[in-house]
N, C-alpha and C. Protein backbone atom coordinates (compact mmCIF):
# COMPACT_ATOMS: atom_id res chain seq x y z
N MET A 1 0.84 -1.17 0.00
CA MET A 1 0.00 0.00 0.00
C MET A 1 0.89 1.24 0.00
N ASP A 2 0.46 2.28 -0.67
CA ASP A 2 1.26 3.50 -0.73
C ASP A 2 1.17 4.25 0.59
N SER A 3 2.29 4.84 0.97
CA SER A 3 2.32 5.56 2.24
C SER A 3 1.93 7.02 2.07
N ALA A 4 1.78 7.49 0.85
CA ALA A 4 1.44 8.90 0.62
C ALA A 4 0.00 9.16 1.04
N GLY A 5 -0.23 10.33 1.59
CA GLY A 5 -1.58 10.70 2.03
C GLY A 5 -2.44 11.13 0.85
N PRO A 6 -3.76 11.12 1.02
CA PRO A 6 -4.65 11.47 -0.08
C PRO A 6 -4.55 12.93 -0.49
N GLU A 7 -4.00 13.79 0.38
CA GLU A 7 -3.91 15.20 0.03
C GLU A 7 -2.88 15.46 -1.06
N GLU A 8 -2.05 14.47 -1.38
CA GLU A 8 -1.01 14.63 -2.39
C GLU A 8 -1.52 14.34 -3.80
N PHE A 9 -2.75 13.87 -3.96
CA PHE A 9 -3.24 13.45 -5.25
C PHE A 9 -4.46 14.26 -5.66
N GLU A 10 -4.52 14.61 -6.95
CA GLU A 10 -5.71 15.25 -7.50
C GLU A 10 -6.51 14.19 -8.22
N LEU A 11 -7.83 14.21 -8.04
CA LEU A 11 -8.66 13.19 -8.68
C LEU A 11 -8.82 13.44 -10.17
N ASN A 12 -8.90 14.68 -10.58
CA ASN A 12 -9.06 14.99 -12.00
C ASN A 12 -7.93 15.88 -12.47
N GLY A 13 -6.71 15.46 -12.23
CA GLY A 13 -5.54 16.23 -12.61
C GLY A 13 -5.19 16.01 -14.07
N GLU A 14 -3.94 16.35 -14.42
CA GLU A 14 -3.49 16.18 -15.79
C GLU A 14 -3.35 14.69 -16.11
N VAL A 15 -3.26 14.38 -17.41
CA VAL A 15 -3.24 13.00 -17.85
C VAL A 15 -2.02 12.26 -17.31
N GLY A 16 -0.91 12.91 -17.20
CA GLY A 16 0.31 12.26 -16.71
C GLY A 16 0.25 11.91 -15.23
N ALA A 17 -0.78 12.36 -14.54
CA ALA A 17 -0.89 12.11 -13.10
C ALA A 17 -1.31 10.68 -12.79
N VAL A 18 -1.67 9.90 -13.79
CA VAL A 18 -2.13 8.54 -13.55
C VAL A 18 -1.04 7.70 -12.89
N GLU A 19 0.21 7.93 -13.29
CA GLU A 19 1.30 7.15 -12.73
C GLU A 19 1.48 7.43 -11.24
N ARG A 20 1.15 8.64 -10.79
CA ARG A 20 1.34 8.99 -9.40
C ARG A 20 0.20 8.50 -8.50
N LEU A 21 -0.93 8.16 -9.08
CA LEU A 21 -2.07 7.73 -8.28
C LEU A 21 -1.83 6.32 -7.74
N PRO A 22 -2.22 6.07 -6.49
CA PRO A 22 -2.11 4.70 -5.99
C PRO A 22 -3.07 3.79 -6.75
N SER A 23 -2.77 2.52 -6.78
CA SER A 23 -3.55 1.57 -7.58
C SER A 23 -5.01 1.52 -7.14
N ARG A 24 -5.29 1.78 -5.86
CA ARG A 24 -6.68 1.72 -5.40
C ARG A 24 -7.52 2.88 -5.94
N TRP A 25 -6.85 3.94 -6.47
CA TRP A 25 -7.57 5.09 -7.00
C TRP A 25 -7.70 5.05 -8.51
N ARG A 26 -7.22 4.01 -9.13
CA ARG A 26 -7.30 3.92 -10.59
C ARG A 26 -8.51 3.11 -10.98
N LEU A 27 -9.11 3.51 -12.08
CA LEU A 27 -10.27 2.80 -12.61
C LEU A 27 -9.92 2.39 -14.03
N GLY A 28 -9.41 1.19 -14.19
CA GLY A 28 -9.00 0.73 -15.51
C GLY A 28 -7.82 1.52 -16.05
N GLY A 29 -6.92 1.96 -15.18
CA GLY A 29 -5.75 2.71 -15.63
C GLY A 29 -6.00 4.20 -15.76
N ARG A 30 -7.23 4.65 -15.48
CA ARG A 30 -7.58 6.07 -15.60
C ARG A 30 -7.89 6.63 -14.23
N PRO A 31 -7.74 7.95 -14.05
CA PRO A 31 -8.15 8.56 -12.78
C PRO A 31 -9.66 8.48 -12.62
N ILE A 32 -10.12 8.59 -11.39
CA ILE A 32 -11.55 8.55 -11.11
C ILE A 32 -12.22 9.80 -11.68
N ASN A 33 -13.33 9.62 -12.35
CA ASN A 33 -14.11 10.75 -12.85
C ASN A 33 -15.12 11.13 -11.78
N VAL A 34 -14.92 12.26 -11.11
CA VAL A 34 -15.76 12.65 -10.00
C VAL A 34 -17.18 12.95 -10.47
N ASN A 35 -17.34 13.51 -11.66
CA ASN A 35 -18.68 13.81 -12.16
C ASN A 35 -19.49 12.53 -12.37
N HIS A 36 -18.83 11.49 -12.85
CA HIS A 36 -19.50 10.20 -13.04
C HIS A 36 -19.99 9.66 -11.69
N TYR A 37 -19.15 9.78 -10.67
CA TYR A 37 -19.53 9.34 -9.34
C TYR A 37 -20.73 10.14 -8.83
N ALA A 38 -20.72 11.45 -9.01
CA ALA A 38 -21.81 12.30 -8.54
C ALA A 38 -23.11 11.95 -9.26
N ASN A 39 -23.03 11.67 -10.55
CA ASN A 39 -24.23 11.29 -11.30
C ASN A 39 -24.80 9.97 -10.81
N LYS A 40 -23.93 9.01 -10.55
CA LYS A 40 -24.39 7.71 -10.04
C LYS A 40 -25.00 7.87 -8.65
N LYS A 41 -24.41 8.71 -7.83
CA LYS A 41 -24.93 8.95 -6.48
C LYS A 41 -26.30 9.59 -6.55
N SER A 42 -26.48 10.56 -7.44
CA SER A 42 -27.78 11.22 -7.60
C SER A 42 -28.83 10.22 -8.07
N ALA A 43 -28.46 9.37 -9.00
CA ALA A 43 -29.39 8.37 -9.50
C ALA A 43 -29.79 7.40 -8.38
N ALA A 44 -28.83 6.99 -7.57
CA ALA A 44 -29.13 6.08 -6.46
C ALA A 44 -30.05 6.75 -5.44
N GLU A 45 -29.79 8.02 -5.14
CA GLU A 45 -30.65 8.74 -4.20
C GLU A 45 -32.07 8.88 -4.76
N SER A 46 -32.19 9.12 -6.06
CA SER A 46 -33.51 9.22 -6.68
C SER A 46 -34.26 7.90 -6.58
N MET A 47 -33.55 6.80 -6.80
CA MET A 47 -34.19 5.49 -6.69
C MET A 47 -34.64 5.22 -5.25
N LEU A 48 -33.84 5.65 -4.28
CA LEU A 48 -34.25 5.48 -2.88
C LEU A 48 -35.48 6.33 -2.56
N ASP A 49 -35.54 7.54 -3.11
CA ASP A 49 -36.71 8.39 -2.91
C ASP A 49 -37.96 7.74 -3.48
N ILE A 50 -37.84 7.16 -4.66
CA ILE A 50 -38.98 6.47 -5.28
C ILE A 50 -39.37 5.26 -4.45
N ALA A 51 -38.38 4.53 -3.94
CA ALA A 51 -38.67 3.36 -3.10
C ALA A 51 -39.41 3.78 -1.83
N LEU A 52 -39.02 4.90 -1.23
CA LEU A 52 -39.71 5.39 -0.04
C LEU A 52 -41.14 5.80 -0.36
N LEU A 53 -41.32 6.45 -1.50
CA LEU A 53 -42.66 6.84 -1.93
C LEU A 53 -43.54 5.61 -2.13
N MET A 54 -43.01 4.58 -2.77
CA MET A 54 -43.78 3.35 -3.00
C MET A 54 -44.07 2.63 -1.68
N ALA A 55 -43.11 2.64 -0.75
CA ALA A 55 -43.34 2.00 0.54
C ALA A 55 -44.44 2.72 1.31
N ASN A 56 -44.44 4.05 1.26
CA ASN A 56 -45.50 4.80 1.93
C ASN A 56 -46.86 4.53 1.31
N ALA A 57 -46.90 4.45 -0.02
CA ALA A 57 -48.16 4.15 -0.69
C ALA A 57 -48.65 2.75 -0.31
N SER A 58 -47.73 1.81 -0.22
CA SER A 58 -48.08 0.45 0.17
C SER A 58 -48.60 0.41 1.61
N GLN A 59 -47.96 1.16 2.50
CA GLN A 59 -48.41 1.23 3.90
C GLN A 59 -49.81 1.84 3.98
N LEU A 60 -50.03 2.89 3.21
CA LEU A 60 -51.35 3.52 3.20
C LEU A 60 -52.42 2.54 2.71
N LYS A 61 -52.10 1.80 1.68
CA LYS A 61 -53.04 0.80 1.16
C LYS A 61 -53.33 -0.27 2.22
N ALA A 62 -52.29 -0.73 2.93
CA ALA A 62 -52.48 -1.76 3.95
C ALA A 62 -53.34 -1.24 5.10
N VAL A 63 -53.14 0.01 5.51
CA VAL A 63 -53.93 0.58 6.60
C VAL A 63 -55.39 0.74 6.17
N ILE A 64 -55.60 1.17 4.93
CA ILE A 64 -56.98 1.32 4.44
C ILE A 64 -57.66 -0.04 4.36
N GLU A 65 -56.93 -1.08 3.94
CA GLU A 65 -57.51 -2.42 3.88
C GLU A 65 -57.83 -2.96 5.27
N GLN A 66 -57.09 -2.54 6.29
CA GLN A 66 -57.37 -2.96 7.67
C GLN A 66 -58.73 -2.46 8.11
N GLY A 67 -59.05 -1.25 7.68
CA GLY A 67 -60.36 -0.69 8.01
C GLY A 67 -60.33 0.16 9.26
N PRO A 68 -61.41 0.89 9.49
CA PRO A 68 -61.50 1.80 10.63
C PRO A 68 -61.54 1.08 11.98
N SER A 69 -61.71 -0.21 11.99
CA SER A 69 -61.74 -0.94 13.26
C SER A 69 -60.36 -1.01 13.91
N PHE A 70 -59.32 -0.77 13.12
CA PHE A 70 -57.95 -0.76 13.64
C PHE A 70 -57.79 0.42 14.59
N SER A 71 -57.11 0.22 15.74
CA SER A 71 -57.07 1.24 16.80
C SER A 71 -56.36 2.52 16.38
N PHE A 72 -55.33 2.43 15.53
CA PHE A 72 -54.59 3.63 15.11
C PHE A 72 -54.88 4.01 13.66
N PHE A 73 -56.09 3.71 13.21
CA PHE A 73 -56.44 3.94 11.81
C PHE A 73 -56.28 5.41 11.42
N THR A 74 -56.93 6.31 12.13
CA THR A 74 -56.92 7.73 11.76
C THR A 74 -55.52 8.35 11.87
N PRO A 75 -54.77 8.13 12.97
CA PRO A 75 -53.42 8.71 13.01
C PRO A 75 -52.50 8.19 11.91
N LEU A 76 -52.61 6.90 11.61
CA LEU A 76 -51.76 6.35 10.55
C LEU A 76 -52.12 6.92 9.18
N ILE A 77 -53.40 7.05 8.91
CA ILE A 77 -53.83 7.64 7.63
C ILE A 77 -53.30 9.06 7.52
N VAL A 78 -53.43 9.83 8.59
CA VAL A 78 -52.99 11.23 8.58
C VAL A 78 -51.47 11.31 8.39
N LEU A 79 -50.72 10.55 9.16
CA LEU A 79 -49.26 10.63 9.08
C LEU A 79 -48.72 10.13 7.74
N ILE A 80 -49.24 9.04 7.25
CA ILE A 80 -48.77 8.52 5.95
C ILE A 80 -49.15 9.48 4.83
N SER A 81 -50.34 10.07 4.91
CA SER A 81 -50.77 11.04 3.90
C SER A 81 -49.87 12.28 3.92
N ILE A 82 -49.55 12.76 5.12
CA ILE A 82 -48.64 13.92 5.22
C ILE A 82 -47.29 13.58 4.61
N SER A 83 -46.79 12.39 4.90
CA SER A 83 -45.50 11.97 4.35
C SER A 83 -45.54 11.93 2.82
N LEU A 84 -46.61 11.38 2.26
CA LEU A 84 -46.73 11.31 0.81
C LEU A 84 -46.81 12.71 0.19
N VAL A 85 -47.60 13.58 0.81
CA VAL A 85 -47.74 14.95 0.28
C VAL A 85 -46.40 15.67 0.34
N LEU A 86 -45.67 15.53 1.44
CA LEU A 86 -44.37 16.18 1.56
C LEU A 86 -43.37 15.64 0.53
N GLN A 87 -43.38 14.33 0.32
CA GLN A 87 -42.46 13.74 -0.66
C GLN A 87 -42.75 14.25 -2.06
N VAL A 88 -44.02 14.28 -2.44
CA VAL A 88 -44.38 14.77 -3.76
C VAL A 88 -44.05 16.25 -3.88
N GLY A 89 -44.34 17.02 -2.82
CA GLY A 89 -44.03 18.45 -2.83
C GLY A 89 -42.54 18.73 -2.99
N VAL A 90 -41.72 17.99 -2.26
CA VAL A 90 -40.26 18.17 -2.38
C VAL A 90 -39.80 17.80 -3.78
N GLY A 91 -40.34 16.74 -4.34
CA GLY A 91 -39.97 16.35 -5.71
C GLY A 91 -40.31 17.43 -6.72
N VAL A 92 -41.50 17.99 -6.62
CA VAL A 92 -41.90 19.06 -7.54
C VAL A 92 -41.03 20.29 -7.34
N LEU A 93 -40.76 20.65 -6.08
CA LEU A 93 -39.90 21.81 -5.81
C LEU A 93 -38.49 21.61 -6.37
N LEU A 94 -37.95 20.41 -6.24
CA LEU A 94 -36.61 20.15 -6.77
C LEU A 94 -36.58 20.26 -8.29
N ILE A 95 -37.64 19.82 -8.94
CA ILE A 95 -37.70 19.95 -10.40
C ILE A 95 -37.70 21.43 -10.79
N PHE A 96 -38.56 22.22 -10.15
CA PHE A 96 -38.62 23.65 -10.47
C PHE A 96 -37.33 24.36 -10.08
N LEU A 97 -36.75 23.99 -8.96
CA LEU A 97 -35.50 24.59 -8.53
C LEU A 97 -34.38 24.31 -9.53
N GLY A 98 -34.33 23.08 -10.03
CA GLY A 98 -33.33 22.74 -11.05
C GLY A 98 -33.49 23.56 -12.30
N LYS A 99 -34.74 23.77 -12.73
CA LYS A 99 -34.98 24.59 -13.92
C LYS A 99 -34.59 26.04 -13.66
N ILE A 100 -34.94 26.56 -12.49
CA ILE A 100 -34.62 27.96 -12.17
C ILE A 100 -33.11 28.15 -12.09
N ILE A 101 -32.41 27.23 -11.46
CA ILE A 101 -30.95 27.34 -11.36
C ILE A 101 -30.32 27.28 -12.75
N GLY A 102 -30.84 26.41 -13.62
CA GLY A 102 -30.34 26.33 -14.99
C GLY A 102 -30.51 27.65 -15.73
N GLU A 103 -31.67 28.28 -15.57
CA GLU A 103 -31.91 29.57 -16.22
C GLU A 103 -31.00 30.64 -15.66
N ILE A 104 -30.78 30.64 -14.34
CA ILE A 104 -29.89 31.63 -13.73
C ILE A 104 -28.47 31.45 -14.26
N GLN A 105 -28.02 30.21 -14.38
CA GLN A 105 -26.67 29.97 -14.89
C GLN A 105 -26.54 30.43 -16.34
N LYS A 106 -27.58 30.22 -17.15
CA LYS A 106 -27.55 30.70 -18.53
C LYS A 106 -27.46 32.22 -18.57
N MET A 107 -28.24 32.90 -17.73
CA MET A 107 -28.21 34.36 -17.69
C MET A 107 -26.85 34.86 -17.23
N GLN A 108 -26.25 34.21 -16.23
CA GLN A 108 -24.93 34.61 -15.75
C GLN A 108 -23.89 34.45 -16.85
N LYS A 109 -23.98 33.36 -17.60
CA LYS A 109 -23.02 33.12 -18.67
C LYS A 109 -23.16 34.19 -19.74
N ARG A 110 -24.41 34.52 -20.13
CA ARG A 110 -24.62 35.57 -21.13
C ARG A 110 -24.11 36.92 -20.62
N TRP A 111 -24.35 37.21 -19.35
CA TRP A 111 -23.91 38.47 -18.77
C TRP A 111 -22.39 38.56 -18.76
N MET A 112 -21.74 37.45 -18.38
CA MET A 112 -20.28 37.44 -18.35
C MET A 112 -19.71 37.60 -19.76
N GLU A 113 -20.31 36.93 -20.75
CA GLU A 113 -19.83 37.06 -22.13
C GLU A 113 -20.03 38.48 -22.64
N ALA A 114 -21.12 39.11 -22.23
CA ALA A 114 -21.38 40.48 -22.67
C ALA A 114 -20.49 41.48 -21.95
N SER A 115 -20.08 41.19 -20.72
CA SER A 115 -19.29 42.15 -19.95
C SER A 115 -17.80 42.05 -20.22
N VAL A 116 -17.33 40.97 -20.83
CA VAL A 116 -15.89 40.81 -21.07
C VAL A 116 -15.35 41.91 -21.99
N PRO A 117 -15.99 42.23 -23.13
CA PRO A 117 -15.44 43.31 -23.96
C PRO A 117 -15.41 44.65 -23.22
N TYR A 118 -16.42 44.94 -22.45
CA TYR A 118 -16.46 46.19 -21.71
C TYR A 118 -15.34 46.23 -20.67
N CYS A 119 -15.13 45.13 -19.98
CA CYS A 119 -14.07 45.08 -18.96
C CYS A 119 -12.69 45.20 -19.61
N SER A 120 -12.50 44.62 -20.79
CA SER A 120 -11.20 44.72 -21.45
C SER A 120 -10.95 46.15 -21.92
N LYS A 121 -12.00 46.88 -22.32
CA LYS A 121 -11.84 48.29 -22.69
C LYS A 121 -11.42 49.10 -21.47
N LEU A 122 -12.05 48.83 -20.33
CA LEU A 122 -11.69 49.55 -19.11
C LEU A 122 -10.25 49.28 -18.70
N SER A 123 -9.83 48.03 -18.80
CA SER A 123 -8.48 47.70 -18.38
C SER A 123 -7.45 48.30 -19.33
N SER A 124 -7.77 48.42 -20.62
CA SER A 124 -6.83 49.04 -21.56
C SER A 124 -6.74 50.54 -21.32
N LYS A 125 -7.84 51.18 -20.91
CA LYS A 125 -7.82 52.61 -20.60
C LYS A 125 -6.98 52.84 -19.35
N ASN A 126 -7.11 51.98 -18.35
CA ASN A 126 -6.33 52.12 -17.12
C ASN A 126 -4.85 51.87 -17.38
N ALA A 127 -4.53 51.00 -18.30
CA ALA A 127 -3.13 50.69 -18.61
C ALA A 127 -2.45 51.88 -19.30
N LYS A 128 -3.21 52.66 -20.08
CA LYS A 128 -2.65 53.81 -20.78
C LYS A 128 -2.29 54.95 -19.82
N LYS A 129 -2.95 55.03 -18.69
CA LYS A 129 -2.71 56.14 -17.74
C LYS A 129 -1.41 56.05 -17.07
């Protein structure tokens, strides 16, 4: 095992950095792609969210099939329904938030592209003084 600490290695460094990476950090001879890992993690979290939603729906169905004679019928219906509503609400909010953030990033990029010529004119005027 390599004795070098993890702070000495960059995960997405230059191509020649592969030789310096310890063998446990290589993926088929290539450095780890952090974006690929983040995408897989997001997909796994989404699947877990869907599994929780389905489990809550299944629990709600089981409680309804038990009928009102069950001692905790009303509290269970209320709590499971609140959980389902909150899960759906968070999902919808995340979708809209993602779209809004995407639009903001597009506007920032356009603003930066538009401001670069103006900033270069200012810097050339300051350099002449």
